[in-house]
Amino acid sequence: EKLIQQYIHAMSHQKVKAEEKWSFYEITDERIDFLLSQLKVNN
């Protein structure tokens, strides 16, 4: 769960203004699909 949060949080930095941004992953369809697939195999 912690890793799902870290990935989504880091990707969101591409789209938002914030005082601090310590992480970054570019948003791609492949990454979104990967995370959605993880939601199907775990609760």
PDB file of all heavy atoms in Angstrom:
ATOM      1  N   GLU A   1       0.836  -1.203   0.000  1.00  0.00           N
ATOM      2  CA  GLU A   1       0.000   0.000   0.000  1.00  0.00           C
ATOM      3  C   GLU A   1       0.872   1.254   0.000  1.00  0.00           C
ATOM      4  O   GLU A   1       0.609   2.216  -0.718  1.00  0.00           O
ATOM      5  CB  GLU A   1      -0.936   0.002   1.212  1.00  0.00           C
ATOM      6  CG  GLU A   1      -1.874   1.171   1.243  1.00  0.00           C
ATOM      7  CD  GLU A   1      -3.337   0.762   1.348  1.00  0.00           C
ATOM      8  OE1 GLU A   1      -3.630  -0.414   1.591  1.00  0.00           O
ATOM      9  OE2 GLU A   1      -4.184   1.635   1.177  1.00  0.00           O
ATOM     10  N   LYS A   2       1.929   1.225   0.784  1.00  0.00           N
ATOM     11  CA  LYS A   2       2.830   2.372   0.877  1.00  0.00           C
ATOM     12  C   LYS A   2       3.461   2.685  -0.483  1.00  0.00           C
ATOM     13  O   LYS A   2       3.588   3.845  -0.869  1.00  0.00           O
ATOM     14  CB  LYS A   2       3.917   2.076   1.908  1.00  0.00           C
ATOM     15  CG  LYS A   2       4.882   3.201   2.137  1.00  0.00           C
ATOM     16  CD  LYS A   2       5.860   2.873   3.244  1.00  0.00           C
ATOM     17  CE  LYS A   2       6.800   4.020   3.495  1.00  0.00           C
ATOM     18  NZ  LYS A   2       7.740   3.740   4.570  1.00  0.00           N
ATOM     19  N   LEU A   3       3.809   1.652  -1.229  1.00  0.00           N
ATOM     20  CA  LEU A   3       4.443   1.856  -2.526  1.00  0.00           C
ATOM     21  C   LEU A   3       3.446   2.390  -3.554  1.00  0.00           C
ATOM     22  O   LEU A   3       3.780   3.279  -4.346  1.00  0.00           O
ATOM     23  CB  LEU A   3       5.077   0.552  -3.005  1.00  0.00           C
ATOM     24  CG  LEU A   3       6.076   0.646  -4.141  1.00  0.00           C
ATOM     25  CD1 LEU A   3       7.128   1.711  -3.901  1.00  0.00           C
ATOM     26  CD2 LEU A   3       6.743  -0.700  -4.355  1.00  0.00           C
ATOM     27  N   ILE A   4       2.215   1.898  -3.526  1.00  0.00           N
ATOM     28  CA  ILE A   4       1.169   2.443  -4.404  1.00  0.00           C
ATOM     29  C   ILE A   4       1.037   3.947  -4.136  1.00  0.00           C
ATOM     30  O   ILE A   4       1.004   4.764  -5.061  1.00  0.00           O
ATOM     31  CB  ILE A   4      -0.189   1.743  -4.149  1.00  0.00           C
ATOM     32  CG1 ILE A   4      -0.150   0.279  -4.584  1.00  0.00           C
ATOM     33  CG2 ILE A   4      -1.332   2.510  -4.797  1.00  0.00           C
ATOM     34  CD1 ILE A   4      -0.533  -0.004  -5.999  1.00  0.00           C
ATOM     35  N   GLN A   5       0.978   4.321  -2.868  1.00  0.00           N
ATOM     36  CA  GLN A   5       0.855   5.736  -2.497  1.00  0.00           C
ATOM     37  C   GLN A   5       2.052   6.544  -2.998  1.00  0.00           C
ATOM     38  O   GLN A   5       1.889   7.648  -3.529  1.00  0.00           O
ATOM     39  CB  GLN A   5       0.754   5.874  -0.977  1.00  0.00           C
ATOM     40  CG  GLN A   5      -0.510   5.328  -0.395  1.00  0.00           C
ATOM     41  CD  GLN A   5      -0.450   5.201   1.119  1.00  0.00           C
ATOM     42  OE1 GLN A   5       0.502   5.648   1.762  1.00  0.00           O
ATOM     43  NE2 GLN A   5      -1.468   4.576   1.690  1.00  0.00           N
ATOM     44  N   GLN A   6       3.243   6.007  -2.824  1.00  0.00           N
ATOM     45  CA  GLN A   6       4.441   6.738  -3.244  1.00  0.00           C
ATOM     46  C   GLN A   6       4.458   6.968  -4.748  1.00  0.00           C
ATOM     47  O   GLN A   6       4.813   8.058  -5.209  1.00  0.00           O
ATOM     48  CB  GLN A   6       5.700   5.979  -2.813  1.00  0.00           C
ATOM     49  CG  GLN A   6       5.928   6.015  -1.322  1.00  0.00           C
ATOM     50  CD  GLN A   6       7.095   5.148  -0.884  1.00  0.00           C
ATOM     51  OE1 GLN A   6       7.559   4.279  -1.612  1.00  0.00           O
ATOM     52  NE2 GLN A   6       7.566   5.378   0.336  1.00  0.00           N
ATOM     53  N   TYR A   7       4.072   5.965  -5.515  1.00  0.00           N
ATOM     54  CA  TYR A   7       4.050   6.115  -6.970  1.00  0.00           C
ATOM     55  C   TYR A   7       3.014   7.159  -7.405  1.00  0.00           C
ATOM     56  O   TYR A   7       3.313   8.026  -8.224  1.00  0.00           O
ATOM     57  CB  TYR A   7       3.762   4.781  -7.654  1.00  0.00           C
ATOM     58  CG  TYR A   7       4.925   3.800  -7.679  1.00  0.00           C
ATOM     59  CD1 TYR A   7       4.695   2.436  -7.686  1.00  0.00           C
ATOM     60  CD2 TYR A   7       6.256   4.222  -7.739  1.00  0.00           C
ATOM     61  CE1 TYR A   7       5.744   1.516  -7.738  1.00  0.00           C
ATOM     62  CE2 TYR A   7       7.311   3.321  -7.783  1.00  0.00           C
ATOM     63  CZ  TYR A   7       7.044   1.966  -7.789  1.00  0.00           C
ATOM     64  OH  TYR A   7       8.086   1.065  -7.844  1.00  0.00           O
ATOM     65  N   ILE A   8       1.804   7.067  -6.887  1.00  0.00           N
ATOM     66  CA  ILE A   8       0.762   8.030  -7.273  1.00  0.00           C
ATOM     67  C   ILE A   8       1.173   9.449  -6.853  1.00  0.00           C
ATOM     68  O   ILE A   8       1.042  10.401  -7.626  1.00  0.00           O
ATOM     69  CB  ILE A   8      -0.607   7.652  -6.675  1.00  0.00           C
ATOM     70  CG1 ILE A   8      -1.118   6.336  -7.272  1.00  0.00           C
ATOM     71  CG2 ILE A   8      -1.631   8.769  -6.915  1.00  0.00           C
ATOM     72  CD1 ILE A   8      -2.366   5.781  -6.584  1.00  0.00           C
ATOM     73  N   HIS A   9       1.671   9.577  -5.651  1.00  0.00           N
ATOM     74  CA  HIS A   9       2.090  10.879  -5.141  1.00  0.00           C
ATOM     75  C   HIS A   9       3.192  11.476  -6.013  1.00  0.00           C
ATOM     76  O   HIS A   9       3.127  12.652  -6.418  1.00  0.00           O
ATOM     77  CB  HIS A   9       2.555  10.726  -3.686  1.00  0.00           C
ATOM     78  CG  HIS A   9       2.910  11.999  -3.024  1.00  0.00           C
ATOM     79  ND1 HIS A   9       3.986  12.117  -2.172  1.00  0.00           N
ATOM     80  CD2 HIS A   9       2.368  13.235  -3.076  1.00  0.00           C
ATOM     81  CE1 HIS A   9       4.076  13.357  -1.741  1.00  0.00           C
ATOM     82  NE2 HIS A   9       3.109  14.057  -2.270  1.00  0.00           N
ATOM     83  N   ALA A  10       4.192  10.666  -6.349  1.00  0.00           N
ATOM     84  CA  ALA A  10       5.310  11.155  -7.163  1.00  0.00           C
ATOM     85  C   ALA A  10       4.839  11.550  -8.561  1.00  0.00           C
ATOM     86  O   ALA A  10       5.323  12.542  -9.128  1.00  0.00           O
ATOM     87  CB  ALA A  10       6.395  10.085  -7.246  1.00  0.00           C
ATOM     88  N   MET A  11       3.893  10.815  -9.124  1.00  0.00           N
ATOM     89  CA  MET A  11       3.377  11.162 -10.456  1.00  0.00           C
ATOM     90  C   MET A  11       2.561  12.448 -10.407  1.00  0.00           C
ATOM     91  O   MET A  11       2.600  13.259 -11.339  1.00  0.00           O
ATOM     92  CB  MET A  11       2.538  10.015 -11.036  1.00  0.00           C
ATOM     93  CG  MET A  11       3.371   8.803 -11.417  1.00  0.00           C
ATOM     94  SD  MET A  11       2.518   7.544 -12.413  1.00  0.00           S
ATOM     95  CE  MET A  11       0.967   7.342 -11.623  1.00  0.00           C
ATOM     96  N   SER A  12       1.826  12.649  -9.322  1.00  0.00           N
ATOM     97  CA  SER A  12       0.975  13.838  -9.228  1.00  0.00           C
ATOM     98  C   SER A  12       1.784  15.132  -9.247  1.00  0.00           C
ATOM     99  O   SER A  12       1.280  16.180  -9.644  1.00  0.00           O
ATOM    100  CB  SER A  12       0.095  13.783  -7.972  1.00  0.00           C
ATOM    101  OG  SER A  12       0.857  14.017  -6.803  1.00  0.00           O
ATOM    102  N   HIS A  13       3.054  15.076  -8.852  1.00  0.00           N
ATOM    103  CA  HIS A  13       3.887  16.279  -8.818  1.00  0.00           C
ATOM    104  C   HIS A  13       4.062  16.907 -10.191  1.00  0.00           C
ATOM    105  O   HIS A  13       4.328  18.105 -10.295  1.00  0.00           O
ATOM    106  CB  HIS A  13       5.247  15.968  -8.194  1.00  0.00           C
ATOM    107  CG  HIS A  13       5.172  15.811  -6.715  1.00  0.00           C
ATOM    108  ND1 HIS A  13       6.146  15.167  -5.992  1.00  0.00           N
ATOM    109  CD2 HIS A  13       4.231  16.207  -5.817  1.00  0.00           C
ATOM    110  CE1 HIS A  13       5.806  15.179  -4.704  1.00  0.00           C
ATOM    111  NE2 HIS A  13       4.652  15.807  -4.585  1.00  0.00           N
ATOM    112  N   GLN A  14       3.881  16.118 -11.230  1.00  0.00           N
ATOM    113  CA  GLN A  14       3.980  16.640 -12.593  1.00  0.00           C
ATOM    114  C   GLN A  14       2.875  17.648 -12.890  1.00  0.00           C
ATOM    115  O   GLN A  14       3.043  18.519 -13.730  1.00  0.00           O
ATOM    116  CB  GLN A  14       3.882  15.453 -13.570  1.00  0.00           C
ATOM    117  CG  GLN A  14       3.776  15.821 -15.016  1.00  0.00           C
ATOM    118  CD  GLN A  14       3.672  14.601 -15.906  1.00  0.00           C
ATOM    119  OE1 GLN A  14       4.154  13.537 -15.585  1.00  0.00           O
ATOM    120  NE2 GLN A  14       3.017  14.768 -17.049  1.00  0.00           N
ATOM    121  N   LYS A  15       1.769  17.550 -12.173  1.00  0.00           N
ATOM    122  CA  LYS A  15       0.584  18.349 -12.506  1.00  0.00           C
ATOM    123  C   LYS A  15       0.291  19.487 -11.534  1.00  0.00           C
ATOM    124  O   LYS A  15      -0.556  20.315 -11.823  1.00  0.00           O
ATOM    125  CB  LYS A  15      -0.650  17.436 -12.552  1.00  0.00           C
ATOM    126  CG  LYS A  15      -0.572  16.354 -13.613  1.00  0.00           C
ATOM    127  CD  LYS A  15      -0.738  16.949 -14.979  1.00  0.00           C
ATOM    128  CE  LYS A  15      -0.712  15.909 -16.086  1.00  0.00           C
ATOM    129  NZ  LYS A  15      -0.798  16.517 -17.395  1.00  0.00           N
ATOM    130  N   VAL A  16       0.957  19.528 -10.378  1.00  0.00           N
ATOM    131  CA  VAL A  16       0.528  20.475  -9.340  1.00  0.00           C
ATOM    132  C   VAL A  16       1.636  21.403  -8.862  1.00  0.00           C
ATOM    133  O   VAL A  16       2.822  21.081  -8.942  1.00  0.00           O
ATOM    134  CB  VAL A  16      -0.057  19.728  -8.113  1.00  0.00           C
ATOM    135  CG1 VAL A  16      -1.242  18.872  -8.518  1.00  0.00           C
ATOM    136  CG2 VAL A  16       0.996  18.892  -7.410  1.00  0.00           C
ATOM    137  N   LYS A  17       1.196  22.547  -8.336  1.00  0.00           N
ATOM    138  CA  LYS A  17       2.088  23.476  -7.647  1.00  0.00           C
ATOM    139  C   LYS A  17       2.069  23.096  -6.172  1.00  0.00           C
ATOM    140  O   LYS A  17       1.015  22.867  -5.596  1.00  0.00           O
ATOM    141  CB  LYS A  17       1.596  24.917  -7.790  1.00  0.00           C
ATOM    142  CG  LYS A  17       1.650  25.448  -9.194  1.00  0.00           C
ATOM    143  CD  LYS A  17       1.121  26.875  -9.269  1.00  0.00           C
ATOM    144  CE  LYS A  17       1.113  27.343 -10.709  1.00  0.00           C
ATOM    145  NZ  LYS A  17       0.578  28.699 -10.852  1.00  0.00           N
ATOM    146  N   ALA A  18       3.254  23.027  -5.585  1.00  0.00           N
ATOM    147  CA  ALA A  18       3.376  22.746  -4.153  1.00  0.00           C
ATOM    148  C   ALA A  18       4.670  23.375  -3.657  1.00  0.00           C
ATOM    149  O   ALA A  18       5.632  23.511  -4.422  1.00  0.00           O
ATOM    150  CB  ALA A  18       3.379  21.240  -3.894  1.00  0.00           C
ATOM    151  N   GLU A  19       4.664  23.755  -2.401  1.00  0.00           N
ATOM    152  CA  GLU A  19       5.842  24.389  -1.810  1.00  0.00           C
ATOM    153  C   GLU A  19       7.049  23.466  -1.872  1.00  0.00           C
ATOM    154  O   GLU A  19       8.165  23.898  -2.134  1.00  0.00           O
ATOM    155  CB  GLU A  19       5.538  24.759  -0.351  1.00  0.00           C
ATOM    156  CG  GLU A  19       6.624  25.560   0.317  1.00  0.00           C
ATOM    157  CD  GLU A  19       6.244  25.940   1.734  1.00  0.00           C
ATOM    158  OE1 GLU A  19       5.092  26.333   1.969  1.00  0.00           O
ATOM    159  OE2 GLU A  19       7.115  25.835   2.617  1.00  0.00           O
ATOM    160  N   GLU A  20       6.841  22.189  -1.620  1.00  0.00           N
ATOM    161  CA  GLU A  20       7.911  21.193  -1.643  1.00  0.00           C
ATOM    162  C   GLU A  20       7.477  20.011  -2.499  1.00  0.00           C
ATOM    163  O   GLU A  20       6.339  19.561  -2.410  1.00  0.00           O
ATOM    164  CB  GLU A  20       8.199  20.678  -0.221  1.00  0.00           C
ATOM    165  CG  GLU A  20       8.747  21.701   0.739  1.00  0.00           C
ATOM    166  CD  GLU A  20      10.219  21.984   0.531  1.00  0.00           C
ATOM    167  OE1 GLU A  20      10.930  21.152  -0.062  1.00  0.00           O
ATOM    168  OE2 GLU A  20      10.660  23.055   0.977  1.00  0.00           O
ATOM    169  N   LYS A  21       8.407  19.506  -3.294  1.00  0.00           N
ATOM    170  CA  LYS A  21       8.188  18.278  -4.068  1.00  0.00           C
ATOM    171  C   LYS A  21       9.472  17.467  -3.964  1.00  0.00           C
ATOM    172  O   LYS A  21      10.497  17.860  -4.520  1.00  0.00           O
ATOM    173  CB  LYS A  21       7.889  18.589  -5.537  1.00  0.00           C
ATOM    174  CG  LYS A  21       6.601  19.333  -5.798  1.00  0.00           C
ATOM    175  CD  LYS A  21       6.437  19.530  -7.304  1.00  0.00           C
ATOM    176  CE  LYS A  21       5.285  20.419  -7.666  1.00  0.00           C
ATOM    177  NZ  LYS A  21       5.158  20.602  -9.126  1.00  0.00           N
ATOM    178  N   TRP A  22       9.397  16.353  -3.260  1.00  0.00           N
ATOM    179  CA  TRP A  22      10.599  15.557  -3.028  1.00  0.00           C
ATOM    180  C   TRP A  22      10.685  14.344  -3.937  1.00  0.00           C
ATOM    181  O   TRP A  22      11.659  13.614  -3.905  1.00  0.00           O
ATOM    182  CB  TRP A  22      10.652  15.105  -1.572  1.00  0.00           C
ATOM    183  CG  TRP A  22      10.733  16.238  -0.597  1.00  0.00           C
ATOM    184  CD1 TRP A  22      11.332  17.442  -0.783  1.00  0.00           C
ATOM    185  CD2 TRP A  22      10.186  16.273   0.719  1.00  0.00           C
ATOM    186  NE1 TRP A  22      11.197  18.231   0.329  1.00  0.00           N
ATOM    187  CE2 TRP A  22      10.495  17.530   1.285  1.00  0.00           C
ATOM    188  CE3 TRP A  22       9.479  15.365   1.483  1.00  0.00           C
ATOM    189  CZ2 TRP A  22      10.125  17.893   2.562  1.00  0.00           C
ATOM    190  CZ3 TRP A  22       9.105  15.736   2.756  1.00  0.00           C
ATOM    191  CH2 TRP A  22       9.423  16.983   3.291  1.00  0.00           C
ATOM    192  N   SER A  23       9.662  14.096  -4.720  1.00  0.00           N
ATOM    193  CA  SER A  23       9.667  12.903  -5.556  1.00  0.00           C
ATOM    194  C   SER A  23       9.069  13.241  -6.915  1.00  0.00           C
ATOM    195  O   SER A  23       8.355  14.233  -7.060  1.00  0.00           O
ATOM    196  CB  SER A  23       8.846  11.802  -4.886  1.00  0.00           C
ATOM    197  OG  SER A  23       7.513  12.222  -4.672  1.00  0.00           O
ATOM    198  N   PHE A  24       9.384  12.408  -7.907  1.00  0.00           N
ATOM    199  CA  PHE A  24       8.832  12.636  -9.239  1.00  0.00           C
ATOM    200  C   PHE A  24       8.897  11.371 -10.070  1.00  0.00           C
ATOM    201  O   PHE A  24       9.937  10.713 -10.129  1.00  0.00           O
ATOM    202  CB  PHE A  24       9.602  13.739  -9.964  1.00  0.00           C
ATOM    203  CG  PHE A  24       9.272  13.822 -11.437  1.00  0.00           C
ATOM    204  CD1 PHE A  24       8.038  14.293 -11.859  1.00  0.00           C
ATOM    205  CD2 PHE A  24      10.184  13.402 -12.384  1.00  0.00           C
ATOM    206  CE1 PHE A  24       7.723  14.356 -13.212  1.00  0.00           C
ATOM    207  CE2 PHE A  24       9.875  13.463 -13.737  1.00  0.00           C
ATOM    208  CZ  PHE A  24       8.644  13.943 -14.149  1.00  0.00           C
ATOM    209  N   TYR A  25       7.795  11.029 -10.663  1.00  0.00           N
ATOM    210  CA  TYR A  25       7.713  10.053 -11.750  1.00  0.00           C
ATOM    211  C   TYR A  25       6.805  10.663 -12.807  1.00  0.00           C
ATOM    212  O   TYR A  25       5.716  11.136 -12.485  1.00  0.00           O
ATOM    213  CB  TYR A  25       7.121   8.714 -11.304  1.00  0.00           C
ATOM    214  CG  TYR A  25       8.141   7.783 -10.694  1.00  0.00           C
ATOM    215  CD1 TYR A  25       8.122   7.508  -9.329  1.00  0.00           C
ATOM    216  CD2 TYR A  25       9.119   7.179 -11.478  1.00  0.00           C
ATOM    217  CE1 TYR A  25       9.052   6.657  -8.771  1.00  0.00           C
ATOM    218  CE2 TYR A  25      10.054   6.338 -10.911  1.00  0.00           C
ATOM    219  CZ  TYR A  25      10.022   6.080  -9.564  1.00  0.00           C
ATOM    220  OH  TYR A  25      10.948   5.238  -9.012  1.00  0.00           O
ATOM    221  N   GLU A  26       7.244  10.639 -14.038  1.00  0.00           N
ATOM    222  CA  GLU A  26       6.414  11.150 -15.116  1.00  0.00           C
ATOM    223  C   GLU A  26       5.199  10.240 -15.271  1.00  0.00           C
ATOM    224  O   GLU A  26       5.289   9.018 -15.157  1.00  0.00           O
ATOM    225  CB  GLU A  26       7.205  11.203 -16.416  1.00  0.00           C
ATOM    226  CG  GLU A  26       6.474  11.929 -17.513  1.00  0.00           C
ATOM    227  CD  GLU A  26       7.356  12.260 -18.710  1.00  0.00           C
ATOM    228  OE1 GLU A  26       8.586  12.064 -18.641  1.00  0.00           O
ATOM    229  OE2 GLU A  26       6.786  12.733 -19.701  1.00  0.00           O
ATOM    230  N   ILE A  27       4.059  10.834 -15.523  1.00  0.00           N
ATOM    231  CA  ILE A  27       2.823  10.075 -15.712  1.00  0.00           C
ATOM    232  C   ILE A  27       2.849   9.483 -17.114  1.00  0.00           C
ATOM    233  O   ILE A  27       3.050  10.200 -18.097  1.00  0.00           O
ATOM    234  CB  ILE A  27       1.584  10.983 -15.562  1.00  0.00           C
ATOM    235  CG1 ILE A  27       1.518  11.562 -14.143  1.00  0.00           C
ATOM    236  CG2 ILE A  27       0.311  10.214 -15.898  1.00  0.00           C
ATOM    237  CD1 ILE A  27       0.450  12.635 -13.961  1.00  0.00           C
ATOM    238  N   THR A  28       2.674   8.158 -17.187  1.00  0.00           N
ATOM    239  CA  THR A  28       2.565   7.481 -18.483  1.00  0.00           C
ATOM    240  C   THR A  28       1.388   6.515 -18.413  1.00  0.00           C
ATOM    241  O   THR A  28       1.002   6.068 -17.325  1.00  0.00           O
ATOM    242  CB  THR A  28       3.842   6.679 -18.833  1.00  0.00           C
ATOM    243  OG1 THR A  28       3.988   5.607 -17.900  1.00  0.00           O
ATOM    244  CG2 THR A  28       5.088   7.572 -18.827  1.00  0.00           C
ATOM    245  N   ASP A  29       0.841   6.190 -19.578  1.00  0.00           N
ATOM    246  CA  ASP A  29      -0.245   5.203 -19.629  1.00  0.00           C
ATOM    247  C   ASP A  29       0.217   3.867 -19.070  1.00  0.00           C
ATOM    248  O   ASP A  29      -0.530   3.186 -18.366  1.00  0.00           O
ATOM    249  CB  ASP A  29      -0.748   5.016 -21.065  1.00  0.00           C
ATOM    250  CG  ASP A  29      -1.552   6.203 -21.554  1.00  0.00           C
ATOM    251  OD1 ASP A  29      -2.092   6.960 -20.723  1.00  0.00           O
ATOM    252  OD2 ASP A  29      -1.629   6.390 -22.788  1.00  0.00           O
ATOM    253  N   GLU A  30       1.449   3.496 -19.378  1.00  0.00           N
ATOM    254  CA  GLU A  30       1.989   2.222 -18.910  1.00  0.00           C
ATOM    255  C   GLU A  30       2.025   2.166 -17.372  1.00  0.00           C
ATOM    256  O   GLU A  30       1.671   1.158 -16.769  1.00  0.00           O
ATOM    257  CB  GLU A  30       3.395   2.036 -19.490  1.00  0.00           C
ATOM    258  CG  GLU A  30       4.008   0.690 -19.178  1.00  0.00           C
ATOM    259  CD  GLU A  30       5.415   0.544 -19.750  1.00  0.00           C
ATOM    260  OE1 GLU A  30       6.057   1.567 -20.102  1.00  0.00           O
ATOM    261  OE2 GLU A  30       5.878  -0.596 -19.814  1.00  0.00           O
ATOM    262  N   ARG A  31       2.421   3.249 -16.742  1.00  0.00           N
ATOM    263  CA  ARG A  31       2.484   3.301 -15.277  1.00  0.00           C
ATOM    264  C   ARG A  31       1.080   3.280 -14.667  1.00  0.00           C
ATOM    265  O   ARG A  31       0.840   2.597 -13.677  1.00  0.00           O
ATOM    266  CB  ARG A  31       3.267   4.530 -14.824  1.00  0.00           C
ATOM    267  CG  ARG A  31       4.748   4.377 -15.098  1.00  0.00           C
ATOM    268  CD  ARG A  31       5.536   5.622 -14.800  1.00  0.00           C
ATOM    269  NE  ARG A  31       6.962   5.321 -14.933  1.00  0.00           N
ATOM    270  CZ  ARG A  31       7.910   6.234 -14.996  1.00  0.00           C
ATOM    271  NH1 ARG A  31       7.603   7.522 -14.914  1.00  0.00           N
ATOM    272  NH2 ARG A  31       9.175   5.876 -15.121  1.00  0.00           N
ATOM    273  N   ILE A  32       0.169   4.020 -15.269  1.00  0.00           N
ATOM    274  CA  ILE A  32      -1.213   4.023 -14.779  1.00  0.00           C
ATOM    275  C   ILE A  32      -1.801   2.621 -14.883  1.00  0.00           C
ATOM    276  O   ILE A  32      -2.399   2.113 -13.932  1.00  0.00           O
ATOM    277  CB  ILE A  32      -2.065   5.058 -15.550  1.00  0.00           C
ATOM    278  CG1 ILE A  32      -1.598   6.472 -15.216  1.00  0.00           C
ATOM    279  CG2 ILE A  32      -3.547   4.876 -15.228  1.00  0.00           C
ATOM    280  CD1 ILE A  32      -2.196   7.550 -16.115  1.00  0.00           C
ATOM    281  N   ASP A  33      -1.604   1.964 -16.043  1.00  0.00           N
ATOM    282  CA  ASP A  33      -2.122   0.605 -16.236  1.00  0.00           C
ATOM    283  C   ASP A  33      -1.510  -0.376 -15.244  1.00  0.00           C
ATOM    284  O   ASP A  33      -2.194  -1.250 -14.710  1.00  0.00           O
ATOM    285  CB  ASP A  33      -1.856   0.119 -17.666  1.00  0.00           C
ATOM    286  CG  ASP A  33      -2.703   0.840 -18.704  1.00  0.00           C
ATOM    287  OD1 ASP A  33      -3.745   1.431 -18.326  1.00  0.00           O
ATOM    288  OD2 ASP A  33      -2.327   0.813 -19.887  1.00  0.00           O
ATOM    289  N   PHE A  34      -0.216  -0.227 -14.988  1.00  0.00           N
ATOM    290  CA  PHE A  34       0.469  -1.098 -14.029  1.00  0.00           C
ATOM    291  C   PHE A  34      -0.148  -0.959 -12.638  1.00  0.00           C
ATOM    292  O   PHE A  34      -0.443  -1.954 -11.976  1.00  0.00           O
ATOM    293  CB  PHE A  34       1.964  -0.756 -13.991  1.00  0.00           C
ATOM    294  CG  PHE A  34       2.753  -1.514 -12.959  1.00  0.00           C
ATOM    295  CD1 PHE A  34       3.037  -2.859 -13.131  1.00  0.00           C
ATOM    296  CD2 PHE A  34       3.214  -0.877 -11.822  1.00  0.00           C
ATOM    297  CE1 PHE A  34       3.773  -3.558 -12.177  1.00  0.00           C
ATOM    298  CE2 PHE A  34       3.953  -1.554 -10.868  1.00  0.00           C
ATOM    299  CZ  PHE A  34       4.235  -2.911 -11.048  1.00  0.00           C
ATOM    300  N   LEU A  35      -0.359   0.275 -12.198  1.00  0.00           N
ATOM    301  CA  LEU A  35      -0.935   0.496 -10.869  1.00  0.00           C
ATOM    302  C   LEU A  35      -2.383   0.001 -10.809  1.00  0.00           C
ATOM    303  O   LEU A  35      -2.786  -0.627  -9.816  1.00  0.00           O
ATOM    304  CB  LEU A  35      -0.840   1.970 -10.478  1.00  0.00           C
ATOM    305  CG  LEU A  35       0.586   2.487 -10.255  1.00  0.00           C
ATOM    306  CD1 LEU A  35       0.584   3.995 -10.005  1.00  0.00           C
ATOM    307  CD2 LEU A  35       1.274   1.741  -9.123  1.00  0.00           C
ATOM    308  N   LEU A  36      -3.150   0.233 -11.858  1.00  0.00           N
ATOM    309  CA  LEU A  36      -4.526  -0.282 -11.885  1.00  0.00           C
ATOM    310  C   LEU A  36      -4.529  -1.805 -11.831  1.00  0.00           C
ATOM    311  O   LEU A  36      -5.377  -2.408 -11.155  1.00  0.00           O
ATOM    312  CB  LEU A  36      -5.256   0.206 -13.140  1.00  0.00           C
ATOM    313  CG  LEU A  36      -5.736   1.652 -13.103  1.00  0.00           C
ATOM    314  CD1 LEU A  36      -6.177   2.121 -14.493  1.00  0.00           C
ATOM    315  CD2 LEU A  36      -6.865   1.836 -12.094  1.00  0.00           C
ATOM    316  N   SER A  37      -3.589  -2.443 -12.500  1.00  0.00           N
ATOM    317  CA  SER A  37      -3.520  -3.912 -12.457  1.00  0.00           C
ATOM    318  C   SER A  37      -3.179  -4.411 -11.058  1.00  0.00           C
ATOM    319  O   SER A  37      -3.645  -5.470 -10.638  1.00  0.00           O
ATOM    320  CB  SER A  37      -2.511  -4.441 -13.478  1.00  0.00           C
ATOM    321  OG  SER A  37      -1.181  -4.203 -13.065  1.00  0.00           O
ATOM    322  N   GLN A  38      -2.388  -3.644 -10.328  1.00  0.00           N
ATOM    323  CA  GLN A  38      -2.052  -4.025  -8.950  1.00  0.00           C
ATOM    324  C   GLN A  38      -3.284  -3.966  -8.049  1.00  0.00           C
ATOM    325  O   GLN A  38      -3.419  -4.759  -7.122  1.00  0.00           O
ATOM    326  CB  GLN A  38      -0.937  -3.132  -8.401  1.00  0.00           C
ATOM    327  CG  GLN A  38       0.407  -3.342  -9.050  1.00  0.00           C
ATOM    328  CD  GLN A  38       0.907  -4.749  -8.867  1.00  0.00           C
ATOM    329  OE1 GLN A  38       1.168  -5.206  -7.754  1.00  0.00           O
ATOM    330  NE2 GLN A  38       1.030  -5.476  -9.958  1.00  0.00           N
ATOM    331  N   LEU A  39      -4.184  -3.034  -8.324  1.00  0.00           N
ATOM    332  CA  LEU A  39      -5.404  -2.927  -7.525  1.00  0.00           C
ATOM    333  C   LEU A  39      -6.288  -4.158  -7.699  1.00  0.00           C
ATOM    334  O   LEU A  39      -7.070  -4.494  -6.810  1.00  0.00           O
ATOM    335  CB  LEU A  39      -6.190  -1.672  -7.908  1.00  0.00           C
ATOM    336  CG  LEU A  39      -5.482  -0.328  -7.703  1.00  0.00           C
ATOM    337  CD1 LEU A  39      -6.413   0.817  -8.092  1.00  0.00           C
ATOM    338  CD2 LEU A  39      -4.993  -0.161  -6.275  1.00  0.00           C
ATOM    339  N   LYS A  40      -6.143  -4.839  -8.830  1.00  0.00           N
ATOM    340  CA  LYS A  40      -6.958  -6.027  -9.100  1.00  0.00           C
ATOM    341  C   LYS A  40      -6.428  -7.276  -8.414  1.00  0.00           C
ATOM    342  O   LYS A  40      -7.173  -8.241  -8.229  1.00  0.00           O
ATOM    343  CB  LYS A  40      -7.050  -6.273 -10.601  1.00  0.00           C
ATOM    344  CG  LYS A  40      -7.826  -5.192 -11.322  1.00  0.00           C
ATOM    345  CD  LYS A  40      -7.846  -5.415 -12.814  1.00  0.00           C
ATOM    346  CE  LYS A  40      -8.597  -4.278 -13.486  1.00  0.00           C
ATOM    347  NZ  LYS A  40      -8.442  -4.273 -14.916  1.00  0.00           N
ATOM    348  N   VAL A  41      -5.161  -7.282  -8.028  1.00  0.00           N
ATOM    349  CA  VAL A  41      -4.567  -8.487  -7.444  1.00  0.00           C
ATOM    350  C   VAL A  41      -4.331  -8.394  -5.940  1.00  0.00           C
ATOM    351  O   VAL A  41      -3.810  -9.326  -5.342  1.00  0.00           O
ATOM    352  CB  VAL A  41      -3.245  -8.879  -8.156  1.00  0.00           C
ATOM    353  CG1 VAL A  41      -3.508  -9.239  -9.596  1.00  0.00           C
ATOM    354  CG2 VAL A  41      -2.199  -7.780  -8.038  1.00  0.00           C
ATOM    355  N   ASN A  42      -4.701  -7.279  -5.346  1.00  0.00           N
ATOM    356  CA  ASN A  42      -4.510  -7.130  -3.904  1.00  0.00           C
ATOM    357  C   ASN A  42      -5.611  -6.223  -3.365  1.00  0.00           C
ATOM    358  O   ASN A  42      -6.232  -5.473  -4.111  1.00  0.00           O
ATOM    359  CB  ASN A  42      -3.136  -6.522  -3.601  1.00  0.00           C
ATOM    360  CG  ASN A  42      -2.659  -6.807  -2.198  1.00  0.00           C
ATOM    361  OD1 ASN A  42      -3.283  -7.556  -1.454  1.00  0.00           O
ATOM    362  ND2 ASN A  42      -1.545  -6.215  -1.821  1.00  0.00           N
ATOM    363  N   ASN A  43      -5.849  -6.302  -2.076  1.00  0.00           N
ATOM    364  CA  ASN A  43      -6.819  -5.421  -1.416  1.00  0.00           C
ATOM    365  C   ASN A  43      -6.054  -4.361  -0.646  1.00  0.00           C
ATOM    366  O   ASN A  43      -5.142  -4.679   0.105  1.00  0.00           O
ATOM    367  CB  ASN A  43      -7.710  -6.222  -0.462  1.00  0.00           C
ATOM    368  CG  ASN A  43      -8.577  -7.208  -1.198  1.00  0.00           C
ATOM    369  OD1 ASN A  43      -9.142  -6.887  -2.231  1.00  0.00           O
ATOM    370  ND2 ASN A  43      -8.676  -8.425  -0.681  1.00  0.00           N
TER     371      ASN A  43
END
